[in-house]
C-alpha atoms as a PDB file:
ATOM      1  CA  UNK A   1     -47.769 -10.008  58.931  1.00  0.00           C
ATOM      2  CA  UNK A   2     -51.328 -11.144  58.783  1.00  0.00           C
ATOM      3  CA  UNK A   3     -52.017 -14.280  56.807  1.00  0.00           C
ATOM      4  CA  UNK A   4     -48.487 -15.557  57.081  1.00  0.00           C
ATOM      5  CA  UNK A   5     -47.103 -18.238  59.362  1.00  0.00           C
ATOM      6  CA  UNK A   6     -43.609 -19.423  60.086  1.00  0.00           C
ATOM      7  CA  UNK A   7     -42.922 -23.063  60.744  1.00  0.00           C
ATOM      8  CA  UNK A   8     -40.500 -24.381  63.339  1.00  0.00           C
ATOM      9  CA  UNK A   9     -38.247 -25.568  60.517  1.00  0.00           C
ATOM     10  CA  UNK A  10     -38.239 -22.049  59.004  1.00  0.00           C
ATOM     11  CA  UNK A  11     -37.145 -20.654  62.362  1.00  0.00           C
ATOM     12  CA  UNK A  12     -34.454 -23.318  62.711  1.00  0.00           C
ATOM     13  CA  UNK A  13     -33.130 -22.653  59.202  1.00  0.00           C
ATOM     14  CA  UNK A  14     -32.987 -18.908  59.917  1.00  0.00           C
ATOM     15  CA  UNK A  15     -31.183 -19.549  63.194  1.00  0.00           C
ATOM     16  CA  UNK A  16     -28.663 -21.808  61.471  1.00  0.00           C
ATOM     17  CA  UNK A  17     -28.115 -19.189  58.774  1.00  0.00           C
ATOM     18  CA  UNK A  18     -27.459 -16.501  61.382  1.00  0.00           C
ATOM     19  CA  UNK A  19     -25.052 -18.796  63.209  1.00  0.00           C
ATOM     20  CA  UNK A  20     -23.096 -19.545  60.032  1.00  0.00           C
ATOM     21  CA  UNK A  21     -22.941 -15.842  59.157  1.00  0.00           C
ATOM     22  CA  UNK A  22     -21.622 -15.050  62.635  1.00  0.00           C
ATOM     23  CA  UNK A  23     -18.945 -17.731  62.329  1.00  0.00           C
ATOM     24  CA  UNK A  24     -17.902 -16.367  58.929  1.00  0.00           C
ATOM     25  CA  UNK A  25     -17.705 -12.886  60.412  1.00  0.00           C
ATOM     26  CA  UNK A  26     -15.352 -14.163  63.099  1.00  0.00           C
ATOM     27  CA  UNK A  27     -13.260 -15.955  60.497  1.00  0.00           C
ATOM     28  CA  UNK A  28     -12.944 -12.668  58.588  1.00  0.00           C
ATOM     29  CA  UNK A  29     -11.737 -10.845  61.687  1.00  0.00           C
ATOM     30  CA  UNK A  30      -8.947 -13.422  62.024  1.00  0.00           C
ATOM     31  CA  UNK A  31      -7.798 -12.632  58.474  1.00  0.00           C
ATOM     32  CA  UNK A  32      -7.820  -8.938  59.337  1.00  0.00           C
ATOM     33  CA  UNK A  33      -5.846  -9.546  62.528  1.00  0.00           C
ATOM     34  CA  UNK A  34      -8.613  -8.408  64.862  1.00  0.00           C
ATOM     35  CA  UNK A  35      -8.626 -10.065  68.285  1.00  0.00           C
ATOM     36  CA  UNK A  36     -11.624 -10.857  70.434  1.00  0.00           C
ATOM     37  CA  UNK A  37     -11.164 -10.454  74.142  1.00  0.00           C
ATOM     38  CA  UNK A  38     -13.230 -13.096  75.875  1.00  0.00           C
ATOM     39  CA  UNK A  39     -15.014 -16.239  74.831  1.00  0.00           C
ATOM     40  CA  UNK A  40     -15.458 -16.760  71.087  1.00  0.00           C
ATOM     41  CA  UNK A  41     -18.792 -18.547  71.627  1.00  0.00           C
ATOM     42  CA  UNK A  42     -20.092 -15.458  73.427  1.00  0.00           C
ATOM     43  CA  UNK A  43     -18.967 -13.320  70.504  1.00  0.00           C
ATOM     44  CA  UNK A  44     -20.844 -15.593  68.089  1.00  0.00           C
ATOM     45  CA  UNK A  45     -23.961 -15.413  70.283  1.00  0.00           C
ATOM     46  CA  UNK A  46     -23.746 -11.616  70.352  1.00  0.00           C
ATOM     47  CA  UNK A  47     -23.394 -11.423  66.566  1.00  0.00           C
ATOM     48  CA  UNK A  48     -26.437 -13.683  66.155  1.00  0.00           C
ATOM     49  CA  UNK A  49     -28.398 -11.522  68.592  1.00  0.00           C
ATOM     50  CA  UNK A  50     -27.491  -8.355  66.694  1.00  0.00           C
ATOM     51  CA  UNK A  51     -28.487  -9.947  63.385  1.00  0.00           C
ATOM     52  CA  UNK A  52     -31.845 -11.014  64.867  1.00  0.00           C
ATOM     53  CA  UNK A  53     -32.492  -7.470  66.127  1.00  0.00           C
ATOM     54  CA  UNK A  54     -31.565  -6.089  62.713  1.00  0.00           C
ATOM     55  CA  UNK A  55     -34.021  -8.501  61.055  1.00  0.00           C
ATOM     56  CA  UNK A  56     -36.802  -7.451  63.442  1.00  0.00           C
ATOM     57  CA  UNK A  57     -36.201  -3.796  62.604  1.00  0.00           C
ATOM     58  CA  UNK A  58     -36.302  -4.556  58.880  1.00  0.00           C
ATOM     59  CA  UNK A  59     -39.566  -6.494  59.280  1.00  0.00           C
ATOM     60  CA  UNK A  60     -41.098  -3.674  61.325  1.00  0.00           C
ATOM     61  CA  UNK A  61     -40.108  -1.118  58.681  1.00  0.00           C
ATOM     62  CA  UNK A  62     -41.555  -3.294  55.905  1.00  0.00           C
ATOM     63  CA  UNK A  63     -44.931  -3.407  57.671  1.00  0.00           C
ATOM     64  CA  UNK A  64     -45.121   0.372  57.412  1.00  0.00           C
ATOM     65  CA  UNK A  65     -44.565   0.183  53.667  1.00  0.00           C
ATOM     66  CA  UNK A  66     -47.320  -2.383  53.092  1.00  0.00           C
END
């Protein structure tokens, strides 16, 4: 978006938020009895990556509205 800037701290806060959301998602799967095959850290990284892609899509779609 033109006229807007994002600071390094904004990026870090967003990254931390995504990481916490991914960890909560994994905690929920434990309650539901869902197993992850493989490394849990890799699963967290994949969830963060998917959330970042989702955010990029949302931002792209918002640009079309403005």
